[in-house]
C-alpha atoms as a PDB file:
ATOM      1  CA  MET A   1     -83.058-123.521  76.524  1.00  0.00           C
ATOM      2  CA  ALA A   2     -83.054-126.462  79.062  1.00  0.00           C
ATOM      3  CA  ASP A   3     -79.968-128.701  79.309  1.00  0.00           C
ATOM      4  CA  HIS A   4     -81.723-132.174  80.403  1.00  0.00           C
ATOM      5  CA  ALA A   5     -83.294-134.366  78.587  1.00  0.00           C
ATOM      6  CA  LEU A   6     -87.231-133.661  78.949  1.00  0.00           C
ATOM      7  CA  THR A   7     -90.038-136.125  79.712  1.00  0.00           C
ATOM      8  CA  PRO A   8     -92.614-136.541  77.866  1.00  0.00           C
ATOM      9  CA  ARG A   9     -95.220-133.770  79.611  1.00  0.00           C
ATOM     10  CA  GLY A  10     -92.147-131.462  79.876  1.00  0.00           C
ATOM     11  CA  ALA A  11     -91.404-132.013  75.724  1.00  0.00           C
ATOM     12  CA  ALA A  12     -94.950-131.482  75.163  1.00  0.00           C
ATOM     13  CA  THR A  13     -95.192-128.466  76.847  1.00  0.00           C
ATOM     14  CA  ARG A  14     -91.791-127.501  75.153  1.00  0.00           C
ATOM     15  CA  ASP A  15     -93.598-128.273  71.984  1.00  0.00           C
ATOM     16  CA  ARG A  16     -96.637-126.110  72.529  1.00  0.00           C
ATOM     17  CA  ILE A  17     -94.925-122.932  73.126  1.00  0.00           C
ATOM     18  CA  ILE A  18     -92.823-123.412  69.686  1.00  0.00           C
ATOM     19  CA  GLU A  19     -96.116-123.839  68.034  1.00  0.00           C
ATOM     20  CA  VAL A  20     -97.345-121.394  69.231  1.00  0.00           C
ATOM     21  CA  ALA A  21     -95.055-118.230  69.894  1.00  0.00           C
ATOM     22  CA  THR A  22     -93.702-119.191  66.087  1.00  0.00           C
ATOM     23  CA  ARG A  23     -97.774-118.303  65.378  1.00  0.00           C
ATOM     24  CA  GLU A  24     -97.564-114.961  67.060  1.00  0.00           C
ATOM     25  CA  PHE A  25     -93.458-113.956  66.321  1.00  0.00           C
ATOM     26  CA  ALA A  26     -94.537-114.480  62.687  1.00  0.00           C
ATOM     27  CA  GLU A  27     -97.639-111.964  62.839  1.00  0.00           C
ATOM     28  CA  HIS A  28     -96.203-109.374  66.115  1.00  0.00           C
ATOM     29  CA  GLY A  29     -92.655-109.690  65.390  1.00  0.00           C
ATOM     30  CA  ILE A  30     -90.141-109.939  67.707  1.00  0.00           C
ATOM     31  CA  ALA A  31     -90.750-106.654  69.544  1.00  0.00           C
ATOM     32  CA  GLY A  32     -94.797-106.716  68.946  1.00  0.00           C
ATOM     33  CA  ALA A  33     -94.747-110.572  70.623  1.00  0.00           C
ATOM     34  CA  ARG A  34     -96.147-111.012  74.027  1.00  0.00           C
ATOM     35  CA  ILE A  35     -94.776-113.587  76.522  1.00  0.00           C
ATOM     36  CA  GLU A  36     -98.367-113.442  78.200  1.00  0.00           C
ATOM     37  CA  ARG A  37    -100.081-114.580  74.749  1.00  0.00           C
ATOM     38  CA  ILE A  38     -98.418-117.218  74.471  1.00  0.00           C
ATOM     39  CA  VAL A  39     -98.024-118.807  77.661  1.00  0.00           C
ATOM     40  CA  ALA A  40    -101.822-118.537  77.750  1.00  0.00           C
ATOM     41  CA  ALA A  41    -102.426-119.684  74.289  1.00  0.00           C
ATOM     42  CA  ALA A  42     -99.976-122.477  75.652  1.00  0.00           C
ATOM     43  CA  ARG A  43    -100.922-123.546  78.984  1.00  0.00           C
ATOM     44  CA  THR A  44     -98.017-123.324  80.178  1.00  0.00           C
ATOM     45  CA  ASN A  45     -96.368-120.182  82.210  1.00  0.00           C
ATOM     46  CA  LYS A  46     -93.322-117.677  82.080  1.00  0.00           C
ATOM     47  CA  ALA A  47     -91.480-119.742  84.308  1.00  0.00           C
ATOM     48  CA  GLN A  48     -91.864-123.030  82.024  1.00  0.00           C
ATOM     49  CA  LEU A  49     -90.914-121.007  79.072  1.00  0.00           C
ATOM     50  CA  TYR A  50     -87.909-119.376  80.467  1.00  0.00           C
ATOM     51  CA  ALA A  51     -86.896-122.596  81.797  1.00  0.00           C
ATOM     52  CA  TYR A  52     -86.399-123.968  78.295  1.00  0.00           C
ATOM     53  CA  PHE A  53     -85.775-120.805  76.185  1.00  0.00           C
ATOM     54  CA  GLY A  54     -84.151-118.617  78.826  1.00  0.00           C
ATOM     55  CA  SER A  55     -85.520-115.111  77.660  1.00  0.00           C
ATOM     56  CA  LYS A  56     -87.715-113.802  74.178  1.00  0.00           C
ATOM     57  CA  ASP A  57     -84.957-113.659  72.868  1.00  0.00           C
ATOM     58  CA  GLY A  58     -83.973-117.196  73.184  1.00  0.00           C
ATOM     59  CA  LEU A  59     -86.927-118.636  72.493  1.00  0.00           C
ATOM     60  CA  PHE A  60     -87.245-116.708  68.702  1.00  0.00           C
ATOM     61  CA  ASP A  61     -83.616-117.669  68.228  1.00  0.00           C
ATOM     62  CA  ALA A  62     -84.996-121.080  68.640  1.00  0.00           C
ATOM     63  CA  ILE A  63     -87.537-120.926  66.256  1.00  0.00           C
ATOM     64  CA  PHE A  64     -85.880-119.465  63.961  1.00  0.00           C
ATOM     65  CA  PHE A  65     -83.245-121.228  63.787  1.00  0.00           C
ATOM     66  CA  GLY A  66     -85.011-124.006  63.526  1.00  0.00           C
ATOM     67  CA  SER A  67     -87.102-122.890  60.368  1.00  0.00           C
ATOM     68  CA  LEU A  68     -83.776-122.647  58.611  1.00  0.00           C
ATOM     69  CA  GLU A  69     -82.766-125.540  59.095  1.00  0.00           C
ATOM     70  CA  ARG A  70     -86.252-126.917  58.309  1.00  0.00           C
ATOM     71  CA  ILE A  71     -86.440-125.167  54.548  1.00  0.00           C
ATOM     72  CA  MET A  72     -82.990-126.567  54.205  1.00  0.00           C
ATOM     73  CA  ASN A  73     -84.104-130.221  55.065  1.00  0.00           C
ATOM     74  CA  VAL A  74     -87.382-130.356  53.226  1.00  0.00           C
ATOM     75  CA  VAL A  75     -86.263-127.765  50.360  1.00  0.00           C
ATOM     76  CA  PRO A  76     -83.222-129.681  49.837  1.00  0.00           C
ATOM     77  CA  ILE A  77     -81.022-127.748  47.038  1.00  0.00           C
ATOM     78  CA  ASP A  78     -80.624-129.740  43.369  1.00  0.00           C
ATOM     79  CA  ALA A  79     -77.729-127.013  41.940  1.00  0.00           C
ATOM     80  CA  THR A  80     -78.305-129.552  38.808  1.00  0.00           C
ATOM     81  CA  ASP A  81     -82.305-128.014  39.195  1.00  0.00           C
ATOM     82  CA  LEU A  82     -82.044-124.543  40.381  1.00  0.00           C
ATOM     83  CA  ALA A  83     -85.449-124.017  38.410  1.00  0.00           C
ATOM     84  CA  ASP A  84     -87.102-126.572  40.321  1.00  0.00           C
ATOM     85  CA  TRP A  85     -85.327-125.785  43.446  1.00  0.00           C
ATOM     86  CA  ALA A  86     -86.946-122.517  42.724  1.00  0.00           C
ATOM     87  CA  VAL A  87     -90.405-123.951  42.131  1.00  0.00           C
ATOM     88  CA  ARG A  88     -90.320-126.325  45.292  1.00  0.00           C
ATOM     89  CA  LEU A  89     -89.525-123.057  47.856  1.00  0.00           C
ATOM     90  CA  TYR A  90     -92.522-121.259  46.197  1.00  0.00           C
ATOM     91  CA  ASP A  91     -94.230-124.184  47.246  1.00  0.00           C
ATOM     92  CA  GLU A  92     -93.239-124.404  50.325  1.00  0.00           C
ATOM     93  CA  TYR A  93     -93.650-120.173  51.167  1.00  0.00           C
ATOM     94  CA  LEU A  94     -97.107-121.741  50.419  1.00  0.00           C
ATOM     95  CA  ARG A  95     -96.962-124.448  53.014  1.00  0.00           C
ATOM     96  CA  ARG A  96     -95.364-122.025  55.463  1.00  0.00           C
ATOM     97  CA  PRO A  97     -96.479-118.792  55.217  1.00  0.00           C
ATOM     98  CA  ASP A  98     -94.833-117.952  58.644  1.00  0.00           C
ATOM     99  CA  LEU A  99     -91.538-119.754  57.914  1.00  0.00           C
ATOM    100  CA  ILE A 100     -90.986-116.578  55.501  1.00  0.00           C
ATOM    101  CA  ARG A 101     -92.105-113.894  57.911  1.00  0.00           C
ATOM    102  CA  LEU A 102     -89.571-114.865  60.624  1.00  0.00           C
ATOM    103  CA  ALA A 103     -87.077-114.046  58.278  1.00  0.00           C
ATOM    104  CA  THR A 104     -88.443-111.011  57.293  1.00  0.00           C
ATOM    105  CA  TRP A 105     -89.117-109.909  61.084  1.00  0.00           C
ATOM    106  CA  ALA A 106     -85.538-111.015  61.943  1.00  0.00           C
ATOM    107  CA  ARG A 107     -83.856-109.096  58.996  1.00  0.00           C
ATOM    108  CA  LEU A 108     -86.469-105.777  60.148  1.00  0.00           C
ATOM    109  CA  GLU A 109     -85.602-105.775  63.794  1.00  0.00           C
ATOM    110  CA  ARG A 110     -82.157-107.334  63.792  1.00  0.00           C
ATOM    111  CA  ARG A 111     -79.808-107.583  61.049  1.00  0.00           C
ATOM    112  CA  PRO A 112     -81.366-105.165  58.115  1.00  0.00           C
ATOM    113  CA  ALA A 113     -77.895-105.074  56.427  1.00  0.00           C
ATOM    114  CA  GLY A 114     -75.160-108.249  55.385  1.00  0.00           C
ATOM    115  CA  HIS A 115     -75.911-111.907  55.731  1.00  0.00           C
ATOM    116  CA  LEU A 116     -79.851-113.115  57.775  1.00  0.00           C
ATOM    117  CA  VAL A 117     -77.384-114.726  60.551  1.00  0.00           C
ATOM    118  CA  ALA A 118     -74.350-113.640  61.614  1.00  0.00           C
ATOM    119  CA  ASP A 119     -73.328-117.509  61.228  1.00  0.00           C
ATOM    120  CA  ALA A 120     -73.922-117.859  57.144  1.00  0.00           C
ATOM    121  CA  GLU A 121     -71.198-119.889  56.348  1.00  0.00           C
ATOM    122  CA  ARG A 122     -72.605-122.611  58.448  1.00  0.00           C
ATOM    123  CA  LEU A 123     -76.023-122.603  56.885  1.00  0.00           C
ATOM    124  CA  ASP A 124     -74.926-121.416  53.089  1.00  0.00           C
ATOM    125  CA  ASP A 125     -72.004-123.587  52.597  1.00  0.00           C
ATOM    126  CA  PRO A 126     -73.762-126.631  51.063  1.00  0.00           C
ATOM    127  CA  LYS A 127     -75.689-124.492  49.104  1.00  0.00           C
ATOM    128  CA  LEU A 128     -72.391-123.026  47.971  1.00  0.00           C
ATOM    129  CA  ARG A 129     -70.757-125.745  47.337  1.00  0.00           C
ATOM    130  CA  ALA A 130     -73.282-127.312  45.391  1.00  0.00           C
ATOM    131  CA  ILE A 131     -73.637-124.710  43.139  1.00  0.00           C
ATOM    132  CA  ALA A 132     -70.296-123.925  42.181  1.00  0.00           C
ATOM    133  CA  GLU A 133     -69.394-127.742  41.874  1.00  0.00           C
ATOM    134  CA  ALA A 134     -71.917-127.228  39.428  1.00  0.00           C
ATOM    135  CA  GLN A 135     -70.575-124.358  37.983  1.00  0.00           C
ATOM    136  CA  ALA A 136     -66.973-126.399  37.398  1.00  0.00           C
ATOM    137  CA  ALA A 137     -69.328-128.748  35.588  1.00  0.00           C
ATOM    138  CA  GLY A 138     -70.357-126.065  33.388  1.00  0.00           C
ATOM    139  CA  THR A 139     -73.974-126.518  34.683  1.00  0.00           C
ATOM    140  CA  VAL A 140     -74.757-122.859  35.644  1.00  0.00           C
ATOM    141  CA  ARG A 141     -73.869-119.854  34.882  1.00  0.00           C
ATOM    142  CA  PRO A 142     -69.954-118.137  36.015  1.00  0.00           C
ATOM    143  CA  GLY A 143     -70.294-115.649  39.075  1.00  0.00           C
ATOM    144  CA  ASP A 144     -70.291-115.467  42.761  1.00  0.00           C
ATOM    145  CA  PRO A 145     -72.024-118.589  43.954  1.00  0.00           C
ATOM    146  CA  PHE A 146     -73.814-116.593  46.649  1.00  0.00           C
ATOM    147  CA  ASP A 147     -75.160-113.887  44.782  1.00  0.00           C
ATOM    148  CA  VAL A 148     -76.034-117.002  42.504  1.00  0.00           C
ATOM    149  CA  MET A 149     -78.204-118.314  45.554  1.00  0.00           C
ATOM    150  CA  ALA A 150     -79.343-114.704  46.147  1.00  0.00           C
ATOM    151  CA  VAL A 151     -81.127-114.097  42.852  1.00  0.00           C
ATOM    152  CA  VAL A 152     -82.816-117.900  42.170  1.00  0.00           C
ATOM    153  CA  ILE A 153     -84.279-117.595  46.119  1.00  0.00           C
ATOM    154  CA  ALA A 154     -85.410-113.599  45.693  1.00  0.00           C
ATOM    155  CA  MET A 155     -86.901-115.091  42.590  1.00  0.00           C
ATOM    156  CA  SER A 156     -88.727-117.642  44.282  1.00  0.00           C
ATOM    157  CA  MET A 157     -89.874-115.409  47.098  1.00  0.00           C
ATOM    158  CA  ALA A 158     -91.735-113.034  43.706  1.00  0.00           C
ATOM    159  CA  TRP A 159     -95.339-114.264  45.526  1.00  0.00           C
ATOM    160  CA  SER A 160     -93.908-114.854  48.707  1.00  0.00           C
ATOM    161  CA  PRO A 161     -96.101-113.743  51.924  1.00  0.00           C
ATOM    162  CA  VAL A 162     -93.602-110.927  52.342  1.00  0.00           C
ATOM    163  CA  SER A 163     -93.639-110.095  48.252  1.00  0.00           C
ATOM    164  CA  ASN A 164     -93.647-105.952  48.003  1.00  0.00           C
ATOM    165  CA  VAL A 165     -96.145-106.900  44.667  1.00  0.00           C
ATOM    166  CA  TYR A 166     -98.540-109.147  45.667  1.00  0.00           C
ATOM    167  CA  ALA A 167     -99.004-112.470  48.758  1.00  0.00           C
ATOM    168  CA  ALA A 168    -100.087-115.631  47.567  1.00  0.00           C
ATOM    169  CA  THR A 169    -101.575-117.977  49.421  1.00  0.00           C
ATOM    170  CA  ALA A 170    -102.455-121.520  49.092  1.00  0.00           C
ATOM    171  CA  ASP A 171    -106.791-121.043  48.891  1.00  0.00           C
ATOM    172  CA  GLU A 172    -105.677-119.793  44.849  1.00  0.00           C
ATOM    173  CA  PRO A 173    -106.970-121.785  42.412  1.00  0.00           C
ATOM    174  CA  PRO A 174    -104.130-124.530  41.356  1.00  0.00           C
ATOM    175  CA  GLU A 175    -103.954-123.570  37.331  1.00  0.00           C
ATOM    176  CA  VAL A 176    -102.884-120.078  39.260  1.00  0.00           C
ATOM    177  CA  HIS A 177     -99.663-122.207  41.336  1.00  0.00           C
ATOM    178  CA  GLU A 178     -99.165-123.816  38.261  1.00  0.00           C
ATOM    179  CA  ARG A 179     -98.969-120.927  35.864  1.00  0.00           C
ATOM    180  CA  ARG A 180     -96.500-119.307  38.502  1.00  0.00           C
ATOM    181  CA  ARG A 181     -94.547-122.309  39.018  1.00  0.00           C
ATOM    182  CA  THR A 182     -93.872-122.273  35.171  1.00  0.00           C
ATOM    183  CA  LEU A 183     -92.547-118.752  34.919  1.00  0.00           C
ATOM    184  CA  LEU A 184     -90.658-118.779  37.593  1.00  0.00           C
ATOM    185  CA  ARG A 185     -88.935-122.215  36.519  1.00  0.00           C
ATOM    186  CA  GLU A 186     -88.492-120.822  33.333  1.00  0.00           C
ATOM    187  CA  SER A 187     -87.365-117.620  34.562  1.00  0.00           C
ATOM    188  CA  VAL A 188     -84.637-119.330  36.639  1.00  0.00           C
ATOM    189  CA  GLN A 189     -83.723-121.266  34.288  1.00  0.00           C
ATOM    190  CA  ARG A 190     -82.960-118.898  32.020  1.00  0.00           C
ATOM    191  CA  ALA A 191     -81.364-116.658  34.484  1.00  0.00           C
ATOM    192  CA  VAL A 192     -78.637-119.019  35.921  1.00  0.00           C
ATOM    193  CA  ALA A 193     -77.807-120.958  32.144  1.00  0.00           C
ATOM    194  CA  ALA A 194     -74.382-121.636  31.686  1.00  0.00           C
ATOM    195  CA  GLY A 195     -74.689-120.082  28.180  1.00  0.00           C
END
């Protein structure tokens, strides 16, 4: 990535590249994404893309890690109400299906086992601390905080764009989503209840 401050025009170009590349990687994966399509749709050139991101992998990393940070900021954990957190994650997957698809491609093409990212502690530590504190307060069932987090996230993804059963979309009737939110909320409450 560029080490110097970007001009407004350079920042706009970089933002266009990220926007187009996010769609490209979400649709085609890391191996299937094409730099030629990205630069054409972003109205730039390969030299500019490589100046900002270094490589195709560098571009994917910038987008992928940005998406992980985004979901942590947009849907922060509330360990005192993990059911609500799961519902907010469900809603975010409806709003931004590309984000969950990026994570799936990273799993399929980069890290088929273990943590999704090598630096898992940096991303998971605040969530794990929050869950551990809720466990210590007696509001969340005992057990490994990571496992509790994994179960809640997995439940929130039941209808996500990468579901093995059914991929929901934001275009479905509101009452369908509300029914799912109710089921998800109740199921997570039962799964993580301390008693």
